[in-house]
Amino acid sequence: MEENKQEIIDEKDETQNEEPEQTVVEETDELEQLRQEKEEVNNRLLRLQADYDNFRRRTQKEKEADRKYRSQSLVEELIPALDNFERALQVEVEGDAAQNFASGMKMVYDQFKAALEKEGVEEIPAKGEEFDPHMHQAIMQVEDENYESNIVVEELQKGYRLKDRVIRPSMVKVNQ
């Protein structure tokens, strides 16, 4: 019986010796797995923060563009009225009453134009400038010895831009 007890004790010692090694290996594997999960979570967090920063910057740019060009649709509607004012002011008038009326129209035109300029609307320079397809729309080509090649000879309709955006290109005649 003593021998049996000794065998049982020896077997227990052997299994106990194996268990700590196995436990250490399992714990090491578990620890490595937890490290990988932590790394994945950190990477996801960093990507999420970068996505949020990009979203915030993009919406900020969109807001700035909206503020910058908020009056674009109004300007597009008012430019034809400005053209009509200019045509009306080109008519020769006779008599004091007509002269007074024309000077009143000129004051209204100047005030109208100043309000548009305050919003950032400006005329696109054309006559004597080099033709720029982004700013000018060529309607005709002419040959004029007084001008160099690819220079705007005449402006048929004024062009306008709002800050740095072209609202309507100038319609022009270009020298060949």
N, C-alpha and C. Protein backbone atom coordinates (compact mmCIF):
# COMPACT_ATOMS: atom_id res chain seq x y z
N MET A 1 0.80 -1.17 0.00
CA MET A 1 0.00 0.00 0.00
C MET A 1 0.87 1.27 0.00
N GLU A 2 1.93 1.15 0.69
CA GLU A 2 2.86 2.24 0.72
C GLU A 2 3.33 2.54 -0.69
N GLU A 3 3.59 1.47 -1.41
CA GLU A 3 4.04 1.65 -2.77
C GLU A 3 2.99 2.36 -3.61
N ASN A 4 1.75 2.00 -3.42
CA ASN A 4 0.65 2.64 -4.15
C ASN A 4 0.57 4.12 -3.82
N LYS A 5 0.75 4.44 -2.57
CA LYS A 5 0.70 5.84 -2.16
C LYS A 5 1.84 6.61 -2.83
N GLN A 6 2.99 5.99 -2.84
CA GLN A 6 4.14 6.63 -3.44
C GLN A 6 3.92 6.85 -4.93
N GLU A 7 3.32 5.89 -5.62
CA GLU A 7 3.04 6.03 -7.05
C GLU A 7 2.05 7.15 -7.31
N ILE A 8 1.06 7.23 -6.49
CA ILE A 8 0.04 8.28 -6.65
C ILE A 8 0.69 9.64 -6.44
N ILE A 9 1.54 9.76 -5.44
CA ILE A 9 2.21 11.02 -5.15
C ILE A 9 3.13 11.37 -6.32
N ASP A 10 3.85 10.39 -6.87
CA ASP A 10 4.74 10.63 -8.00
C ASP A 10 3.96 11.11 -9.21
N GLU A 11 2.80 10.49 -9.46
CA GLU A 11 1.96 10.90 -10.60
C GLU A 11 1.46 12.33 -10.41
N LYS A 12 1.07 12.67 -9.16
CA LYS A 12 0.59 14.03 -8.89
C LYS A 12 1.69 15.04 -9.15
N ASP A 13 2.90 14.70 -8.73
CA ASP A 13 4.02 15.60 -8.93
C ASP A 13 4.27 15.83 -10.41
N GLU A 14 4.16 14.78 -11.21
CA GLU A 14 4.39 14.90 -12.64
C GLU A 14 3.32 15.76 -13.30
N THR A 15 2.06 15.56 -12.93
CA THR A 15 0.99 16.36 -13.52
C THR A 15 1.07 17.80 -13.05
N GLN A 16 1.48 18.02 -11.81
CA GLN A 16 1.62 19.40 -11.33
C GLN A 16 2.76 20.11 -12.07
N ASN A 17 3.80 19.38 -12.36
CA ASN A 17 4.91 19.98 -13.09
C ASN A 17 4.50 20.33 -14.52
N GLU A 18 3.66 19.53 -15.13
CA GLU A 18 3.20 19.80 -16.49
C GLU A 18 2.21 20.97 -16.52
N GLU A 19 1.32 21.06 -15.54
CA GLU A 19 0.29 22.09 -15.51
C GLU A 19 0.86 23.51 -15.48
N PRO A 20 1.85 23.83 -14.68
CA PRO A 20 2.36 25.19 -14.69
C PRO A 20 2.96 25.56 -16.04
N GLU A 21 3.63 24.68 -16.71
CA GLU A 21 4.18 24.98 -18.03
C GLU A 21 3.06 25.24 -19.02
N GLN A 22 2.04 24.41 -18.97
CA GLN A 22 0.89 24.57 -19.86
C GLN A 22 0.16 25.87 -19.55
N THR A 23 0.00 26.19 -18.31
CA THR A 23 -0.68 27.41 -17.89
C THR A 23 0.11 28.64 -18.35
N VAL A 24 1.41 28.60 -18.24
CA VAL A 24 2.25 29.71 -18.67
C VAL A 24 2.11 29.91 -20.17
N VAL A 25 2.12 28.84 -20.94
CA VAL A 25 1.96 28.92 -22.38
C VAL A 25 0.59 29.50 -22.73
N GLU A 26 -0.43 29.02 -22.06
CA GLU A 26 -1.80 29.52 -22.32
C GLU A 26 -1.91 31.00 -21.96
N GLU A 27 -1.33 31.38 -20.82
CA GLU A 27 -1.39 32.77 -20.40
C GLU A 27 -0.60 33.67 -21.36
N THR A 28 0.51 33.18 -21.87
CA THR A 28 1.31 33.94 -22.83
C THR A 28 0.52 34.13 -24.12
N ASP A 29 -0.14 33.08 -24.57
CA ASP A 29 -0.98 33.19 -25.78
C ASP A 29 -2.12 34.18 -25.56
N GLU A 30 -2.73 34.09 -24.40
CA GLU A 30 -3.85 34.98 -24.08
C GLU A 30 -3.35 36.43 -23.99
N LEU A 31 -2.19 36.61 -23.39
CA LEU A 31 -1.61 37.94 -23.28
C LEU A 31 -1.30 38.52 -24.66
N GLU A 32 -0.75 37.70 -25.55
CA GLU A 32 -0.46 38.14 -26.92
C GLU A 32 -1.75 38.51 -27.67
N GLN A 33 -2.78 37.71 -27.47
CA GLN A 33 -4.07 37.98 -28.11
C GLN A 33 -4.64 39.31 -27.60
N LEU A 34 -4.53 39.54 -26.30
CA LEU A 34 -5.02 40.80 -25.73
C LEU A 34 -4.22 41.99 -26.27
N ARG A 35 -2.93 41.84 -26.44
CA ARG A 35 -2.11 42.90 -27.02
C ARG A 35 -2.55 43.22 -28.44
N GLN A 36 -2.81 42.17 -29.22
CA GLN A 36 -3.26 42.38 -30.60
C GLN A 36 -4.62 43.09 -30.64
N GLU A 37 -5.53 42.66 -29.76
CA GLU A 37 -6.84 43.32 -29.69
C GLU A 37 -6.69 44.78 -29.30
N LYS A 38 -5.81 45.05 -28.33
CA LYS A 38 -5.56 46.43 -27.90
C LYS A 38 -5.02 47.24 -29.07
N GLU A 39 -4.09 46.69 -29.83
CA GLU A 39 -3.51 47.37 -30.98
C GLU A 39 -4.58 47.66 -32.04
N GLU A 40 -5.45 46.69 -32.28
CA GLU A 40 -6.54 46.88 -33.26
C GLU A 40 -7.49 47.98 -32.80
N VAL A 41 -7.82 47.99 -31.51
CA VAL A 41 -8.72 49.01 -30.98
C VAL A 41 -8.06 50.39 -31.09
N ASN A 42 -6.78 50.47 -30.77
CA ASN A 42 -6.06 51.75 -30.89
C ASN A 42 -6.03 52.23 -32.34
N ASN A 43 -5.78 51.31 -33.27
CA ASN A 43 -5.78 51.68 -34.70
C ASN A 43 -7.15 52.18 -35.14
N ARG A 44 -8.20 51.48 -34.71
CA ARG A 44 -9.56 51.92 -35.07
C ARG A 44 -9.84 53.30 -34.49
N LEU A 45 -9.40 53.51 -33.25
CA LEU A 45 -9.60 54.82 -32.61
C LEU A 45 -8.88 55.91 -33.39
N LEU A 46 -7.64 55.66 -33.77
CA LEU A 46 -6.88 56.65 -34.54
C LEU A 46 -7.53 56.94 -35.88
N ARG A 47 -8.01 55.90 -36.57
CA ARG A 47 -8.69 56.12 -37.85
C ARG A 47 -9.97 56.91 -37.67
N LEU A 48 -10.70 56.60 -36.61
CA LEU A 48 -11.95 57.31 -36.33
C LEU A 48 -11.67 58.78 -36.02
N GLN A 49 -10.63 59.05 -35.25
CA GLN A 49 -10.26 60.44 -34.97
C GLN A 49 -9.85 61.17 -36.25
N ALA A 50 -9.09 60.50 -37.11
CA ALA A 50 -8.68 61.13 -38.37
C ALA A 50 -9.89 61.39 -39.25
N ASP A 51 -10.82 60.44 -39.32
CA ASP A 51 -12.05 60.64 -40.10
C ASP A 51 -12.84 61.83 -39.57
N TYR A 52 -12.93 61.93 -38.26
CA TYR A 52 -13.68 63.04 -37.66
C TYR A 52 -13.01 64.37 -37.98
N ASP A 53 -11.67 64.41 -37.87
CA ASP A 53 -10.94 65.65 -38.19
C ASP A 53 -11.16 66.04 -39.66
N ASN A 54 -11.11 65.06 -40.56
CA ASN A 54 -11.35 65.34 -41.98
C ASN A 54 -12.77 65.85 -42.20
N PHE A 55 -13.74 65.24 -41.54
CA PHE A 55 -15.13 65.67 -41.66
C PHE A 55 -15.28 67.10 -41.17
N ARG A 56 -14.66 67.40 -40.02
CA ARG A 56 -14.76 68.75 -39.45
C ARG A 56 -14.14 69.78 -40.40
N ARG A 57 -12.97 69.47 -40.97
CA ARG A 57 -12.33 70.39 -41.91
C ARG A 57 -13.18 70.58 -43.16
N ARG A 58 -13.73 69.48 -43.68
CA ARG A 58 -14.54 69.57 -44.90
C ARG A 58 -15.80 70.41 -44.67
N THR A 59 -16.47 70.20 -43.56
CA THR A 59 -17.67 71.00 -43.29
C THR A 59 -17.31 72.46 -43.06
N GLN A 60 -16.15 72.72 -42.46
CA GLN A 60 -15.71 74.10 -42.26
C GLN A 60 -15.48 74.79 -43.60
N LYS A 61 -14.83 74.08 -44.53
CA LYS A 61 -14.61 74.64 -45.87
C LYS A 61 -15.93 74.89 -46.58
N GLU A 62 -16.87 73.95 -46.45
CA GLU A 62 -18.18 74.13 -47.09
C GLU A 62 -18.90 75.33 -46.51
N LYS A 63 -18.83 75.52 -45.21
CA LYS A 63 -19.47 76.68 -44.58
C LYS A 63 -18.85 77.98 -45.07
N GLU A 64 -17.51 77.99 -45.18
CA GLU A 64 -16.84 79.19 -45.66
C GLU A 64 -17.23 79.49 -47.11
N ALA A 65 -17.32 78.45 -47.94
CA ALA A 65 -17.72 78.66 -49.33
C ALA A 65 -19.17 79.14 -49.40
N ASP A 66 -20.04 78.59 -48.55
CA ASP A 66 -21.43 79.05 -48.53
C ASP A 66 -21.52 80.53 -48.15
N ARG A 67 -20.74 80.92 -47.14
CA ARG A 67 -20.74 82.33 -46.75
C ARG A 67 -20.16 83.22 -47.84
N LYS A 68 -19.12 82.73 -48.47
CA LYS A 68 -18.43 83.53 -49.48
C LYS A 68 -19.32 83.76 -50.70
N TYR A 69 -20.08 82.76 -51.10
CA TYR A 69 -20.88 82.84 -52.32
C TYR A 69 -22.38 82.85 -52.04
N ARG A 70 -22.78 83.26 -50.85
CA ARG A 70 -24.20 83.21 -50.47
C ARG A 70 -25.08 84.06 -51.37
N SER A 71 -24.51 85.14 -51.93
CA SER A 71 -25.32 86.05 -52.74
C SER A 71 -25.24 85.74 -54.23
N GLN A 72 -24.67 84.61 -54.61
CA GLN A 72 -24.47 84.31 -56.02
C GLN A 72 -25.79 84.25 -56.79
N SER A 73 -26.78 83.59 -56.28
CA SER A 73 -28.04 83.47 -57.03
C SER A 73 -28.71 84.84 -57.18
N LEU A 74 -28.63 85.67 -56.16
CA LEU A 74 -29.20 87.01 -56.25
C LEU A 74 -28.45 87.83 -57.29
N VAL A 75 -27.13 87.74 -57.28
CA VAL A 75 -26.32 88.48 -58.25
C VAL A 75 -26.66 88.04 -59.67
N GLU A 76 -26.82 86.74 -59.88
CA GLU A 76 -27.16 86.23 -61.21
C GLU A 76 -28.49 86.80 -61.70
N GLU A 77 -29.41 87.04 -60.79
CA GLU A 77 -30.71 87.62 -61.15
C GLU A 77 -30.61 89.13 -61.40
N LEU A 78 -29.70 89.81 -60.71
CA LEU A 78 -29.62 91.27 -60.80
C LEU A 78 -28.76 91.77 -61.97
N ILE A 79 -27.86 90.94 -62.47
CA ILE A 79 -26.97 91.38 -63.55
C ILE A 79 -27.75 91.81 -64.80
N PRO A 80 -28.79 91.09 -65.24
CA PRO A 80 -29.56 91.59 -66.40
C PRO A 80 -30.20 92.96 -66.14
N ALA A 81 -30.64 93.21 -64.91
CA ALA A 81 -31.20 94.52 -64.58
C ALA A 81 -30.12 95.60 -64.67
N LEU A 82 -28.91 95.26 -64.25
CA LEU A 82 -27.79 96.19 -64.36
C LEU A 82 -27.50 96.50 -65.83
N ASP A 83 -27.55 95.47 -66.67
CA ASP A 83 -27.36 95.68 -68.11
C ASP A 83 -28.42 96.63 -68.67
N ASN A 84 -29.67 96.45 -68.27
CA ASN A 84 -30.76 97.30 -68.75
C ASN A 84 -30.57 98.75 -68.28
N PHE A 85 -30.10 98.94 -67.05
CA PHE A 85 -29.79 100.28 -66.57
C PHE A 85 -28.76 100.94 -67.47
N GLU A 86 -27.70 100.20 -67.80
CA GLU A 86 -26.64 100.76 -68.64
C GLU A 86 -27.17 101.14 -70.01
N ARG A 87 -28.02 100.30 -70.60
CA ARG A 87 -28.60 100.61 -71.91
C ARG A 87 -29.49 101.85 -71.82
N ALA A 88 -30.26 101.95 -70.76
CA ALA A 88 -31.16 103.10 -70.58
C ALA A 88 -30.35 104.39 -70.41
N LEU A 89 -29.22 104.30 -69.75
CA LEU A 89 -28.41 105.50 -69.54
C LEU A 89 -27.66 105.94 -70.79
N GLN A 90 -27.55 105.08 -71.77
CA GLN A 90 -26.87 105.43 -73.01
C GLN A 90 -27.76 106.24 -73.96
N VAL A 91 -29.06 106.28 -73.70
CA VAL A 91 -30.01 107.01 -74.55
C VAL A 91 -29.83 108.52 -74.32
N GLU A 92 -29.76 109.26 -75.43
CA GLU A 92 -29.65 110.72 -75.37
C GLU A 92 -31.01 111.30 -75.01
N VAL A 93 -31.02 112.22 -74.05
CA VAL A 93 -32.28 112.84 -73.63
C VAL A 93 -32.22 114.34 -73.87
N GLU A 94 -33.39 114.93 -74.15
CA GLU A 94 -33.48 116.36 -74.37
C GLU A 94 -34.50 116.95 -73.41
N GLY A 95 -34.27 118.16 -73.00
CA GLY A 95 -35.19 118.84 -72.10
C GLY A 95 -34.75 118.66 -70.65
N ASP A 96 -35.16 119.65 -69.85
CA ASP A 96 -34.76 119.64 -68.44
C ASP A 96 -35.39 118.49 -67.66
N ALA A 97 -36.64 118.22 -67.89
CA ALA A 97 -37.33 117.15 -67.17
C ALA A 97 -36.67 115.81 -67.48
N ALA A 98 -36.37 115.57 -68.75
CA ALA A 98 -35.73 114.32 -69.14
C ALA A 98 -34.31 114.24 -68.58
N GLN A 99 -33.59 115.36 -68.56
CA GLN A 99 -32.24 115.39 -68.00
C GLN A 99 -32.28 115.06 -66.50
N ASN A 100 -33.25 115.65 -65.79
CA ASN A 100 -33.38 115.37 -64.36
C ASN A 100 -33.71 113.90 -64.11
N PHE A 101 -34.60 113.38 -64.94
CA PHE A 101 -34.96 111.97 -64.83
C PHE A 101 -33.73 111.09 -65.09
N ALA A 102 -32.94 111.42 -66.11
CA ALA A 102 -31.74 110.64 -66.45
C ALA A 102 -30.70 110.73 -65.32
N SER A 103 -30.56 111.90 -64.72
CA SER A 103 -29.58 112.01 -63.63
C SER A 103 -30.06 111.22 -62.40
N GLY A 104 -31.37 111.18 -62.18
CA GLY A 104 -31.91 110.35 -61.09
C GLY A 104 -31.65 108.87 -61.37
N MET A 105 -31.84 108.46 -62.62
CA MET A 105 -31.56 107.07 -63.00
C MET A 105 -30.08 106.75 -62.80
N LYS A 106 -29.22 107.71 -63.13
CA LYS A 106 -27.77 107.51 -62.97
C LYS A 106 -27.42 107.33 -61.49
N MET A 107 -28.06 108.09 -60.61
CA MET A 107 -27.81 107.95 -59.18
C MET A 107 -28.25 106.57 -58.68
N VAL A 108 -29.41 106.13 -59.14
CA VAL A 108 -29.90 104.80 -58.74
C VAL A 108 -28.95 103.72 -59.27
N TYR A 109 -28.49 103.90 -60.51
CA TYR A 109 -27.55 102.94 -61.12
C TYR A 109 -26.26 102.89 -60.32
N ASP A 110 -25.72 104.05 -59.95
CA ASP A 110 -24.47 104.09 -59.17
C ASP A 110 -24.64 103.43 -57.81
N GLN A 111 -25.78 103.66 -57.17
CA GLN A 111 -26.05 103.05 -55.87
C GLN A 111 -26.19 101.54 -56.01
N PHE A 112 -26.86 101.10 -57.05
CA PHE A 112 -27.07 99.68 -57.34
C PHE A 112 -25.71 99.00 -57.57
N LYS A 113 -24.88 99.65 -58.36
CA LYS A 113 -23.57 99.11 -58.68
C LYS A 113 -22.68 99.07 -57.43
N ALA A 114 -22.75 100.09 -56.59
CA ALA A 114 -21.95 100.13 -55.35
C ALA A 114 -22.38 99.01 -54.40
N ALA A 115 -23.67 98.73 -54.34
CA ALA A 115 -24.14 97.64 -53.48
C ALA A 115 -23.61 96.29 -53.96
N LEU A 116 -23.59 96.10 -55.27
CA LEU A 116 -23.05 94.86 -55.82
C LEU A 116 -21.54 94.75 -55.56
N GLU A 117 -20.84 95.85 -55.70
CA GLU A 117 -19.40 95.84 -55.43
C GLU A 117 -19.12 95.55 -53.96
N LYS A 118 -19.97 96.04 -53.08
CA LYS A 118 -19.82 95.77 -51.65
C LYS A 118 -19.94 94.27 -51.36
N GLU A 119 -20.75 93.58 -52.14
CA GLU A 119 -20.92 92.13 -51.98
C GLU A 119 -19.79 91.34 -52.64
N GLY A 120 -18.91 92.03 -53.35
CA GLY A 120 -17.78 91.34 -53.98
C GLY A 120 -17.94 91.13 -55.47
N VAL A 121 -18.93 91.77 -56.08
CA VAL A 121 -19.14 91.64 -57.52
C VAL A 121 -18.25 92.66 -58.22
N GLU A 122 -17.53 92.20 -59.24
CA GLU A 122 -16.70 93.11 -60.01
C GLU A 122 -16.78 92.77 -61.49
N GLU A 123 -16.60 93.79 -62.30
CA GLU A 123 -16.61 93.59 -63.75
C GLU A 123 -15.32 92.88 -64.15
N ILE A 124 -15.43 92.05 -65.17
CA ILE A 124 -14.24 91.38 -65.71
C ILE A 124 -13.65 92.31 -66.75
N PRO A 125 -12.39 92.70 -66.60
CA PRO A 125 -11.78 93.57 -67.61
C PRO A 125 -11.67 92.82 -68.94
N ALA A 126 -11.94 93.51 -70.05
CA ALA A 126 -11.95 92.81 -71.33
C ALA A 126 -11.16 93.55 -72.40
N LYS A 127 -11.60 94.73 -72.79
CA LYS A 127 -11.00 95.41 -73.94
C LYS A 127 -9.52 95.69 -73.70
N GLY A 128 -8.69 95.23 -74.67
CA GLY A 128 -7.26 95.43 -74.58
C GLY A 128 -6.55 94.34 -73.78
N GLU A 129 -7.30 93.45 -73.16
CA GLU A 129 -6.73 92.36 -72.37
C GLU A 129 -6.48 91.15 -73.26
N GLU A 130 -5.59 90.27 -72.82
CA GLU A 130 -5.39 89.02 -73.55
C GLU A 130 -6.60 88.13 -73.32
N PHE A 131 -7.03 87.43 -74.37
CA PHE A 131 -8.20 86.57 -74.29
C PHE A 131 -7.94 85.44 -73.28
N ASP A 132 -8.87 85.29 -72.34
CA ASP A 132 -8.80 84.23 -71.34
C ASP A 132 -10.11 83.45 -71.42
N PRO A 133 -10.08 82.19 -71.85
CA PRO A 133 -11.32 81.44 -72.01
C PRO A 133 -12.09 81.23 -70.70
N HIS A 134 -11.44 81.41 -69.57
CA HIS A 134 -12.13 81.29 -68.28
C HIS A 134 -12.92 82.55 -67.95
N MET A 135 -12.52 83.67 -68.54
CA MET A 135 -13.16 84.96 -68.24
C MET A 135 -13.94 85.52 -69.41
N HIS A 136 -13.57 85.12 -70.62
CA HIS A 136 -14.17 85.70 -71.82
C HIS A 136 -14.81 84.61 -72.68
N GLN A 137 -15.87 85.01 -73.36
CA GLN A 137 -16.52 84.14 -74.33
C GLN A 137 -16.36 84.82 -75.69
N ALA A 138 -15.58 84.19 -76.57
CA ALA A 138 -15.32 84.79 -77.89
C ALA A 138 -16.53 84.57 -78.77
N ILE A 139 -17.11 85.66 -79.25
CA ILE A 139 -18.27 85.62 -80.14
C ILE A 139 -17.81 85.77 -81.59
N MET A 140 -16.80 86.61 -81.78
CA MET A 140 -16.31 86.88 -83.13
C MET A 140 -14.80 86.99 -83.11
N GLN A 141 -14.21 86.73 -84.28
CA GLN A 141 -12.78 86.99 -84.48
C GLN A 141 -12.64 88.00 -85.60
N VAL A 142 -11.76 88.96 -85.39
CA VAL A 142 -11.53 89.99 -86.40
C VAL A 142 -10.03 90.12 -86.62
N GLU A 143 -9.68 90.78 -87.72
CA GLU A 143 -8.28 91.09 -87.97
C GLU A 143 -8.12 92.60 -87.88
N ASP A 144 -7.37 93.03 -86.88
CA ASP A 144 -7.14 94.46 -86.66
C ASP A 144 -5.65 94.65 -86.43
N GLU A 145 -5.02 95.47 -87.27
CA GLU A 145 -3.58 95.68 -87.17
C GLU A 145 -3.20 96.49 -85.94
N ASN A 146 -4.16 97.15 -85.31
CA ASN A 146 -3.88 97.95 -84.12
C ASN A 146 -3.70 97.10 -82.87
N TYR A 147 -4.09 95.84 -82.93
CA TYR A 147 -4.01 94.96 -81.78
C TYR A 147 -3.14 93.75 -82.10
N GLU A 148 -2.52 93.21 -81.07
CA GLU A 148 -1.75 91.97 -81.23
C GLU A 148 -2.70 90.79 -81.32
N SER A 149 -2.14 89.65 -81.66
CA SER A 149 -2.94 88.43 -81.77
C SER A 149 -3.46 88.01 -80.38
N ASN A 150 -4.67 87.50 -80.36
CA ASN A 150 -5.32 86.96 -79.16
C ASN A 150 -5.63 88.04 -78.11
N ILE A 151 -5.83 89.28 -78.58
CA ILE A 151 -6.19 90.39 -77.70
C ILE A 151 -7.66 90.75 -77.95
N VAL A 152 -8.37 91.06 -76.88
CA VAL A 152 -9.78 91.44 -76.99
C VAL A 152 -9.87 92.82 -77.62
N VAL A 153 -10.61 92.90 -78.75
CA VAL A 153 -10.76 94.14 -79.50
C VAL A 153 -11.96 94.94 -78.99
N GLU A 154 -13.04 94.23 -78.71
CA GLU A 154 -14.27 94.91 -78.30
C GLU A 154 -15.05 94.02 -77.34
N GLU A 155 -15.70 94.66 -76.37
CA GLU A 155 -16.55 93.94 -75.43
C GLU A 155 -18.00 94.14 -75.84
N LEU A 156 -18.69 93.05 -76.15
CA LEU A 156 -20.09 93.15 -76.58
C LEU A 156 -21.04 93.10 -75.39
N GLN A 157 -20.68 92.36 -74.36
CA GLN A 157 -21.49 92.29 -73.14
C GLN A 157 -20.54 92.13 -71.97
N LYS A 158 -20.76 92.92 -70.92
CA LYS A 158 -19.88 92.87 -69.76
C LYS A 158 -19.98 91.53 -69.06
N GLY A 159 -18.86 91.13 -68.51
CA GLY A 159 -18.81 89.93 -67.69
C GLY A 159 -18.60 90.32 -66.24
N TYR A 160 -19.05 89.45 -65.34
CA TYR A 160 -18.94 89.73 -63.91
C TYR A 160 -18.44 88.50 -63.18
N ARG A 161 -17.76 88.78 -62.06
CA ARG A 161 -17.36 87.69 -61.18
C ARG A 161 -17.70 88.09 -59.75
N LEU A 162 -17.98 87.09 -58.96
CA LEU A 162 -18.26 87.27 -57.54
C LEU A 162 -17.05 86.73 -56.80
N LYS A 163 -16.29 87.65 -56.22
CA LYS A 163 -15.01 87.34 -55.58
C LYS A 163 -14.10 86.67 -56.60
N ASP A 164 -13.89 85.37 -56.55
CA ASP A 164 -13.00 84.74 -57.52
C ASP A 164 -13.74 83.80 -58.47
N ARG A 165 -15.06 83.79 -58.41
CA ARG A 165 -15.87 82.90 -59.25
C ARG A 165 -16.54 83.71 -60.37
N VAL A 166 -16.42 83.23 -61.60
CA VAL A 166 -17.03 83.91 -62.74
C VAL A 166 -18.54 83.65 -62.71
N ILE A 167 -19.30 84.72 -62.70
CA ILE A 167 -20.76 84.61 -62.73
C ILE A 167 -21.24 84.59 -64.18
N ARG A 168 -20.68 85.50 -64.97
CA ARG A 168 -21.00 85.55 -66.39
C ARG A 168 -19.75 86.01 -67.13
N PRO A 169 -19.29 85.24 -68.11
CA PRO A 169 -18.09 85.67 -68.86
C PRO A 169 -18.43 86.83 -69.78
N SER A 170 -17.42 87.63 -70.09
CA SER A 170 -17.59 88.75 -71.02
C SER A 170 -17.71 88.20 -72.44
N MET A 171 -18.68 88.72 -73.20
CA MET A 171 -18.78 88.36 -74.62
C MET A 171 -17.94 89.35 -75.40
N VAL A 172 -16.98 88.81 -76.17
CA VAL A 172 -15.97 89.68 -76.77
C VAL A 172 -15.66 89.33 -78.23
N LYS A 173 -15.08 90.33 -78.93
CA LYS A 173 -14.46 90.13 -80.24
C LYS A 173 -12.96 90.02 -79.98
N VAL A 174 -12.33 89.03 -80.62
CA VAL A 174 -10.91 88.77 -80.40
C VAL A 174 -10.15 88.95 -81.71
N ASN A 175 -8.97 89.55 -81.60
CA ASN A 175 -8.12 89.71 -82.78
C ASN A 175 -7.42 88.37 -83.06
N GLN A 176 -7.34 88.03 -84.36
CA GLN A 176 -6.72 86.76 -84.73
C GLN A 176 -5.23 86.74 -84.51
